[in-house]
Protein backbone atom coordinates (compact mmCIF):
# COMPACT_ATOMS: atom_id res chain seq x y z
CA MET A 1 71.66 183.01 214.54
CA LEU A 2 70.39 181.01 211.58
CA GLN A 3 67.03 179.33 211.92
CA LYS A 4 65.63 176.43 209.89
CA SER A 5 62.91 177.48 207.50
CA SER A 6 61.11 176.16 204.45
CA TRP A 7 62.16 179.35 202.63
CA LEU A 8 65.57 180.79 201.85
CA GLU A 9 65.45 184.61 202.12
CA VAL A 10 68.31 186.92 201.10
CA PHE A 11 68.17 190.73 201.44
CA SER A 12 70.62 193.41 200.32
CA THR A 13 70.64 196.91 201.80
CA GLY A 14 68.58 199.41 199.90
CA ASP A 15 66.88 196.89 197.59
CA ALA A 16 63.40 195.46 197.69
CA PRO A 17 63.35 191.86 198.97
CA PRO A 18 63.61 189.34 196.11
CA THR A 19 61.05 186.66 195.53
CA PRO A 20 61.63 183.96 198.16
CA GLN A 21 63.04 180.73 196.79
CA PRO A 22 61.62 177.42 198.02
CA LYS A 23 63.72 174.91 199.85
CA CYS A 24 64.39 171.92 197.62
CA ALA A 25 63.21 168.47 198.67
CA ASP A 26 64.74 165.17 197.59
CA PHE A 27 63.97 161.47 197.59
CA GLN A 28 64.09 159.60 200.87
CA SER A 29 66.55 156.83 201.73
CA ALA A 30 65.62 153.54 203.37
CA ASN A 31 67.34 150.28 204.24
CA LEU A 32 66.49 146.61 204.02
CA PHE A 33 64.83 146.67 207.44
CA GLU A 34 62.65 149.72 206.81
CA GLY A 35 61.00 148.74 203.56
CA THR A 36 57.49 148.05 204.78
CA ASP A 37 55.54 151.30 205.13
CA LEU A 38 54.93 153.42 202.04
CA LYS A 39 55.76 156.92 203.34
CA VAL A 40 54.91 158.34 199.92
CA GLN A 41 56.22 161.74 198.87
CA PHE A 42 55.09 163.73 195.84
CA LEU A 43 57.89 165.96 194.51
CA LEU A 44 56.94 168.72 192.07
CA PHE A 45 59.39 169.98 189.45
CA VAL A 46 58.50 172.93 187.21
CA PRO A 47 60.11 174.31 184.01
CA SER A 48 61.42 177.42 185.80
CA ASN A 49 63.37 175.33 188.34
CA PRO A 50 63.92 171.81 186.96
CA SER A 51 66.50 170.79 189.56
CA CYS A 52 64.53 171.73 192.66
CA GLY A 53 61.85 169.35 193.87
CA GLN A 54 59.09 170.75 196.06
CA LEU A 55 57.24 168.54 198.47
CA VAL A 56 53.52 168.83 197.74
CA GLU A 57 51.00 166.98 199.86
CA GLY A 58 47.75 168.87 199.61
CA SER A 59 45.96 171.45 197.49
CA SER A 60 47.48 174.36 199.42
CA ASP A 61 51.02 173.09 198.73
CA LEU A 62 50.23 172.82 195.04
CA GLN A 63 48.75 176.33 194.84
CA ASN A 64 51.82 177.86 196.52
CA SER A 65 54.43 175.83 194.65
CA GLY A 66 54.31 177.13 191.10
CA PHE A 67 52.09 174.29 189.90
CA ASN A 68 50.28 175.43 186.75
CA ALA A 69 46.88 173.78 186.32
CA THR A 70 46.69 174.92 182.69
CA LEU A 71 49.74 172.85 181.72
CA GLY A 72 49.95 169.11 181.29
CA THR A 73 51.04 167.06 184.31
CA LYS A 74 53.47 164.16 184.07
CA LEU A 75 53.75 161.72 186.97
CA ILE A 76 56.88 159.56 187.21
CA ILE A 77 56.69 156.34 189.26
CA HIS A 78 59.91 154.43 189.95
CA GLY A 79 60.11 150.70 190.55
CA PHE A 80 61.62 148.24 193.05
CA ARG A 81 64.61 149.63 194.99
CA VAL A 82 66.44 146.71 196.54
CA LEU A 83 68.88 148.87 198.53
CA GLY A 84 66.51 151.72 199.37
CA THR A 85 68.39 154.30 197.30
CA LYS A 86 67.17 157.04 194.99
CA PRO A 87 66.96 155.88 191.34
CA SER A 88 70.18 156.91 189.59
CA TRP A 89 68.32 157.88 186.42
CA ILE A 90 65.56 160.02 187.88
CA ASP A 91 67.28 163.42 187.95
CA THR A 92 68.34 163.17 184.31
CA PHE A 93 64.86 161.92 183.37
CA ILE A 94 63.15 164.89 185.04
CA ARG A 95 65.47 167.52 183.56
CA THR A 96 65.22 166.02 180.08
CA LEU A 97 61.44 165.79 180.32
CA LEU A 98 61.16 169.44 181.33
CA ARG A 99 63.41 170.50 178.46
CA ALA A 100 61.27 168.51 176.02
CA THR A 101 57.88 169.82 177.12
CA ASN A 102 56.35 172.66 179.11
CA ALA A 103 54.63 170.74 181.89
CA ASN A 104 54.38 170.06 185.60
CA VAL A 105 56.47 167.02 186.49
CA ILE A 106 55.70 165.15 189.70
CA ALA A 107 57.97 162.36 190.89
CA VAL A 108 56.39 159.78 193.18
CA ASP A 109 58.86 158.83 195.90
CA TRP A 110 57.85 155.48 197.39
CA ILE A 111 61.38 154.41 198.31
CA TYR A 112 60.30 152.98 201.66
CA GLY A 113 57.54 150.86 200.20
CA SER A 114 59.74 149.61 197.34
CA THR A 115 62.75 148.54 199.40
CA GLY A 116 63.77 145.16 200.76
CA VAL A 117 62.16 141.94 199.55
CA TYR A 118 60.55 142.20 196.12
CA PHE A 119 57.34 140.47 197.18
CA SER A 120 56.86 143.01 199.96
CA ALA A 121 57.13 145.80 197.40
CA VAL A 122 54.58 144.02 195.22
CA LYS A 123 52.15 143.94 198.13
CA ASN A 124 52.35 147.73 198.27
CA VAL A 125 51.28 148.23 194.64
CA ILE A 126 47.55 148.45 195.36
CA LYS A 127 48.00 150.72 198.37
CA LEU A 128 50.32 152.99 196.40
CA SER A 129 47.90 153.11 193.46
CA LEU A 130 45.15 154.28 195.79
CA GLU A 131 47.38 156.99 197.29
CA ILE A 132 48.33 158.26 193.84
CA SER A 133 44.67 158.28 192.82
CA LEU A 134 43.77 160.38 195.85
CA PHE A 135 46.57 162.79 194.97
CA LEU A 136 45.39 163.06 191.36
CA ASN A 137 41.89 163.85 192.61
CA LYS A 138 43.39 166.90 194.35
CA LEU A 139 44.74 168.00 190.96
CA LEU A 140 41.29 167.62 189.42
CA VAL A 141 39.87 169.88 192.14
CA LEU A 142 42.36 172.55 191.03
CA GLY A 143 41.00 172.39 187.51
CA VAL A 144 43.39 169.88 185.95
CA SER A 145 41.70 167.76 183.30
CA GLU A 146 42.07 163.98 183.32
CA SER A 147 43.16 164.05 179.68
CA SER A 148 46.16 166.27 180.52
CA ILE A 149 47.63 163.72 182.97
CA HIS A 150 50.45 161.51 181.70
CA ILE A 151 51.73 158.69 183.92
CA ILE A 152 55.22 157.30 183.28
CA GLY A 153 55.91 154.07 185.16
CA VAL A 154 59.21 152.20 185.31
CA SER A 155 59.47 148.49 186.11
CA LEU A 156 57.20 147.78 189.11
CA GLY A 157 56.10 151.40 188.84
CA ALA A 158 54.63 150.48 185.45
CA HIS A 159 52.20 148.11 187.16
CA VAL A 160 51.26 150.92 189.53
CA GLY A 161 50.65 153.24 186.59
CA GLY A 162 48.40 150.70 184.92
CA MET A 163 46.38 150.23 188.08
CA VAL A 164 45.95 153.98 188.53
CA GLY A 165 44.71 154.14 184.97
CA GLN A 166 42.12 151.47 185.79
CA LEU A 167 40.99 153.38 188.86
CA PHE A 168 40.26 156.35 186.59
CA GLY A 169 38.34 154.20 184.14
CA GLY A 170 40.82 154.65 181.31
CA GLN A 171 40.16 158.40 181.16
CA LEU A 172 43.72 159.61 181.83
CA GLY A 173 45.49 161.18 178.89
CA GLN A 174 48.40 158.77 178.52
CA ILE A 175 50.27 156.00 180.31
CA THR A 176 53.83 155.14 179.31
CA ASP A 177 55.18 152.00 180.97
CA LEU A 178 58.77 150.76 180.52
CA GLY A 179 60.41 147.36 180.68
CA ILE A 180 57.90 144.53 180.12
CA ARG A 181 57.93 141.76 177.49
CA ILE A 182 54.24 141.18 176.86
CA PRO A 183 51.95 143.52 174.86
CA VAL A 184 49.70 145.48 177.23
CA GLY A 185 49.21 148.89 175.62
CA HIS A 186 47.80 150.45 172.50
CA VAL A 187 51.32 150.43 171.02
CA ASP A 188 54.05 148.14 172.39
CA TYR A 189 57.66 148.73 171.35
CA PHE A 190 59.81 145.60 171.20
CA VAL A 191 63.32 147.01 170.92
CA ASN A 192 65.79 144.50 169.48
CA GLY A 193 63.11 141.88 169.94
CA GLY A 194 62.38 142.94 173.52
CA GLN A 195 64.95 140.78 175.28
CA ASP A 196 68.76 140.93 175.06
CA GLN A 197 69.93 144.47 174.35
CA PRO A 198 73.17 145.30 172.50
CA GLY A 199 75.98 146.29 174.85
CA CYS A 200 74.50 144.51 177.89
CA PRO A 201 76.35 141.63 179.59
CA THR A 202 75.37 138.15 178.47
CA PHE A 203 76.89 136.14 181.35
CA PHE A 204 76.18 135.90 185.07
CA TYR A 205 79.72 136.90 186.02
CA ALA A 206 78.83 140.53 185.23
CA GLY A 207 76.76 140.49 188.45
CA TYR A 208 74.12 143.15 189.02
CA SER A 209 74.68 144.66 185.58
CA TYR A 210 73.65 141.34 184.01
CA LEU A 211 70.34 141.48 185.87
CA ILE A 212 69.48 145.14 185.32
CA CYS A 213 71.07 146.36 182.07
CA ASP A 214 68.52 144.95 179.60
CA HIS A 215 65.59 145.85 181.84
CA MET A 216 66.64 149.47 182.36
CA ARG A 217 67.50 150.09 178.72
CA ALA A 218 63.88 151.20 178.25
CA VAL A 219 64.50 154.19 180.53
CA HIS A 220 67.63 155.27 178.68
CA LEU A 221 65.92 154.85 175.31
CA TYR A 222 63.08 157.09 176.45
CA ILE A 223 65.50 159.74 177.73
CA SER A 224 67.32 159.64 174.40
CA ALA A 225 64.00 159.97 172.55
CA LEU A 226 63.11 163.02 174.67
CA GLU A 227 66.39 164.64 173.67
CA ASN A 228 65.20 164.10 170.08
CA SER A 229 68.72 163.74 168.70
CA CYS A 230 67.35 161.27 166.15
CA PRO A 231 64.04 159.41 165.79
CA LEU A 232 63.61 155.95 167.31
CA MET A 233 61.14 154.82 164.66
CA ALA A 234 59.44 151.42 164.84
CA PHE A 235 57.44 149.25 162.45
CA PRO A 236 54.31 147.17 163.12
CA CYS A 237 54.79 143.44 162.58
CA ALA A 238 53.43 140.11 163.78
CA SER A 239 56.76 138.99 165.24
CA TYR A 240 60.43 139.93 165.56
CA LYS A 241 61.39 137.10 163.21
CA ALA A 242 59.00 138.38 160.56
CA PHE A 243 60.39 141.89 160.96
CA LEU A 244 64.01 140.76 160.47
CA ALA A 245 62.91 138.75 157.43
CA GLY A 246 61.69 141.93 155.74
CA ARG A 247 57.98 141.12 155.84
CA CYS A 248 56.95 144.41 157.47
CA LEU A 249 58.20 147.38 155.52
CA ASP A 250 55.77 150.23 156.13
CA CYS A 251 53.25 151.52 158.66
CA PHE A 252 50.14 151.51 156.52
CA ASN A 253 48.35 149.00 158.73
CA PRO A 254 47.20 150.24 161.20
CA PHE A 255 48.94 153.64 161.32
CA LEU A 256 48.11 154.84 157.79
CA LEU A 257 51.81 155.32 156.89
CA SER A 258 52.63 157.36 160.02
CA CYS A 259 55.28 155.23 161.75
CA PRO A 260 55.30 155.36 165.57
CA ARG A 261 58.30 156.75 167.43
CA ILE A 262 59.39 156.29 171.03
CA GLY A 263 58.81 159.48 173.01
CA LEU A 264 56.09 161.95 173.83
CA VAL A 265 52.78 161.27 172.11
CA GLU A 266 52.76 164.67 170.40
CA GLN A 267 56.07 163.73 168.77
CA GLY A 268 55.33 160.02 168.46
CA GLY A 269 54.17 159.83 164.87
CA VAL A 270 50.85 158.15 165.73
CA LYS A 271 48.13 160.39 164.36
CA ILE A 272 45.10 158.12 164.16
CA GLU A 273 42.15 158.10 166.56
CA PRO A 274 41.01 156.00 168.21
CA LEU A 275 44.27 154.17 168.79
CA PRO A 276 44.38 150.47 167.91
CA LYS A 277 44.88 148.00 170.75
CA GLU A 278 48.03 145.98 171.40
CA VAL A 279 49.91 146.72 168.20
CA LYS A 280 53.42 145.25 168.38
CA VAL A 281 56.10 147.38 166.74
CA TYR A 282 59.79 146.55 166.28
CA LEU A 283 63.05 148.40 165.84
CA LEU A 284 66.79 147.82 166.16
CA THR A 285 69.19 150.08 168.09
CA THR A 286 72.87 150.60 168.75
CA SER A 287 74.48 149.71 172.09
CA SER A 288 74.81 153.28 173.38
CA ALA A 289 73.08 156.66 173.22
CA PRO A 290 71.53 158.03 171.12
CA TYR A 291 70.72 154.40 170.10
CA CYS A 292 69.20 155.37 166.72
CA MET A 293 69.50 153.12 163.69
CA HIS A 294 68.29 153.50 160.12
CA HIS A 295 66.54 150.40 158.77
CA SER A 296 66.95 149.24 155.18
CA LEU A 297 65.35 146.48 153.19
CA VAL A 298 67.90 144.32 151.33
CA GLU A 299 66.86 141.97 148.53
CA PHE A 300 68.63 139.43 146.35
CA HIS A 301 67.06 138.00 143.17
CA LEU A 302 68.61 134.76 141.86
CA LYS A 303 69.06 134.37 138.15
CA GLU A 304 68.41 130.62 138.39
CA LEU A 305 66.42 128.45 140.81
CA ARG A 306 68.28 126.20 143.24
CA ASN A 307 67.29 122.91 144.91
CA LYS A 308 68.45 124.07 148.35
CA ASP A 309 68.21 127.15 150.53
CA THR A 310 70.58 129.96 149.61
CA ASN A 311 72.09 132.00 152.46
CA ILE A 312 73.85 135.28 151.72
CA GLU A 313 75.47 137.57 154.28
CA VAL A 314 75.12 141.24 153.33
CA THR A 315 77.33 143.92 154.92
CA PHE A 316 77.05 147.69 154.57
CA LEU A 317 80.25 149.72 155.00
CA SER A 318 80.46 153.40 155.84
CA SER A 319 83.83 154.82 156.93
CA ASN A 320 84.82 152.49 159.78
CA ILE A 321 81.26 151.36 160.56
CA THR A 322 79.86 148.04 159.37
CA SER A 323 76.39 146.52 159.64
CA SER A 324 75.38 143.03 158.55
CA SER A 325 72.30 140.97 157.86
CA LYS A 326 71.47 137.59 156.35
CA ILE A 327 69.23 136.90 153.39
CA THR A 328 67.74 133.41 153.04
CA ILE A 329 66.26 132.41 149.70
CA PRO A 330 64.18 129.22 150.11
CA LYS A 331 64.80 126.39 147.65
CA GLN A 332 62.96 126.63 144.34
CA GLN A 333 62.47 130.36 144.90
CA ARG A 334 64.28 133.25 143.26
CA HIS A 335 63.78 136.02 145.79
CA GLY A 336 64.97 136.58 149.36
CA LYS A 337 65.03 139.64 151.61
CA GLY A 338 65.89 140.88 155.07
CA ILE A 339 66.37 143.98 157.21
CA ILE A 340 69.73 145.58 157.90
CA ALA A 341 70.15 148.33 160.50
CA HIS A 342 72.89 150.93 160.16
CA ALA A 343 73.91 153.84 162.38
CA THR A 344 74.74 156.19 159.50
CA PRO A 345 72.25 157.47 156.90
CA GLN A 346 71.86 155.26 153.84
CA CYS A 347 73.45 157.80 151.52
CA GLN A 348 76.69 157.64 153.56
CA ILE A 349 77.07 153.90 152.89
CA ASN A 350 79.65 153.60 150.16
CA GLN A 351 80.15 149.86 149.83
CA VAL A 352 78.24 146.60 150.16
CA LYS A 353 79.87 143.20 150.66
CA PHE A 354 78.37 139.79 149.93
CA LYS A 355 79.31 136.35 151.19
CA PHE A 356 77.49 133.33 149.76
CA GLN A 357 77.65 130.81 152.59
CA SER A 358 79.13 127.41 151.87
CA SER A 359 77.16 124.17 152.08
CA ASN A 360 79.81 122.91 154.57
CA ARG A 361 81.23 120.08 152.50
CA VAL A 362 83.92 118.57 154.72
CA TRP A 363 85.66 116.48 152.07
CA LYS A 364 86.17 119.17 149.42
CA LYS A 365 85.88 122.89 148.80
CA ASP A 366 82.46 124.13 147.78
CA ARG A 367 82.85 125.76 144.35
CA THR A 368 79.17 126.52 143.85
CA THR A 369 78.48 129.91 142.22
CA ILE A 370 75.32 131.97 141.98
CA ILE A 371 74.37 135.07 140.02
CA GLY A 372 71.75 137.56 141.11
CA LYS A 373 70.54 141.12 141.39
CA PHE A 374 70.86 143.14 144.61
CA CYS A 375 68.49 145.96 145.60
CA THR A 376 67.93 148.03 148.74
CA ALA A 377 65.54 150.69 150.08
CA LEU A 378 65.25 152.70 153.26
CA LEU A 379 62.30 151.89 155.54
CA PRO A 380 59.47 152.70 155.47
CA VAL A 381 59.13 151.37 151.92
CA ASN A 382 55.84 152.84 150.74
CA ASP A 383 56.83 152.94 147.09
CA ARG A 384 58.86 150.31 145.23
CA GLU A 385 60.27 153.07 143.04
CA LYS A 386 62.50 154.04 145.98
CA MET A 387 64.48 150.81 145.53
CA VAL A 388 68.14 151.26 144.54
CA CYS A 389 69.72 148.34 142.66
CA LEU A 390 73.31 147.62 141.69
CA PRO A 391 73.69 148.29 137.97
CA GLU A 392 75.33 144.92 137.26
CA PRO A 393 74.46 141.35 138.37
CA VAL A 394 76.47 140.02 141.32
CA ASN A 395 78.49 136.83 140.78
CA LEU A 396 79.15 134.96 144.04
CA GLN A 397 81.19 131.87 144.82
CA ALA A 398 80.68 129.95 148.06
CA SER A 399 82.64 131.35 151.02
CA VAL A 400 84.22 134.13 148.94
CA THR A 401 83.57 137.76 149.88
CA VAL A 402 82.68 140.11 147.03
CA SER A 403 82.64 143.91 147.38
CA CYS A 404 80.65 146.39 145.30
CA ASP A 405 80.41 150.18 145.39
CA LEU A 406 77.03 151.45 146.50
CA LYS A 407 75.94 154.94 145.49
CA ILE A 408 72.73 156.32 146.97
CA ALA A 409 71.77 159.97 146.66
CA CYS A 410 71.08 161.94 149.83
CA VAL A 411 67.54 163.27 150.10
């Protein structure tokens, strides 16, 4: 007769008994009428068994679970769960995190306290923060250092993470919070401006996806960054508009030319101490994983001044991929610039197209022409000598597309 046990034991005749394997624990499930009490669970995942969560409540559980106090500890806190279900992204997040770093990963399951009405979940934030703090104190007793603890909070879980950080007086190693529009950290990444994300629905008829897609993109970006398929590099700037206008081209201030990257701090490109406060950084992405884009400065220098603004659409072509940007040259100025993001490396771009936008004369065709010089450089632009310019001036007529070959050497 089989009996329930917290251990699965298998023996073969004549062999010594193998090391017992722990029974795996999973997230709880709740419903709309149960979402009041917290019923918090702490699930430990270790590098040797990344798919098996172990329920750890006290110090004895931790000591018998494979928890390694000499490694870093990463605590994942999910957010509001309207239907009381396990977050769909959490398993992938945990496995990817354990592949990226040798650490203890602890998932905080507060499904019950996060289910139902949003305002009820919000009321549980303080209570949950206190419970997590008590749990972390048990880790400290085992010899874990505060500086080795990394909290990762998603959505409402981000607010919990911030509060836990306050309870520890700002002494925890790192807090990564996802999915908020205002700057609250040392470095705040505003991806595609921090609002509408490429590939997400833009109309209400898309239903739940319209509400959640943009918000949850932060999670998928972080997972992609952990996989390290390509760097999600960002650039400090005062605003998204200023970034797109090409006013922020390097990371000298305040990062001393080391541009920050989304991901783990040891791979994040930020190498200065102490960290500056509330630095806004910007980047553009594609609509699907791995999301990475290369950013290039594009410039156009007019041969002659004009008495009105000059708008030029610039398009990079590489195989079947196109990327566009707009350069605006203010009246009585010769020089305009902008940022263009492209999924392929700059040296794989083989053509650039220009379209000088018409002044919208209704009664007759606009035959205005302009002549200018076009140059480009891959960000970060720390040295103007990296600029690549077309060898001949570009002659543009209003509303007419002009194509030029672009040859950039691969580095």
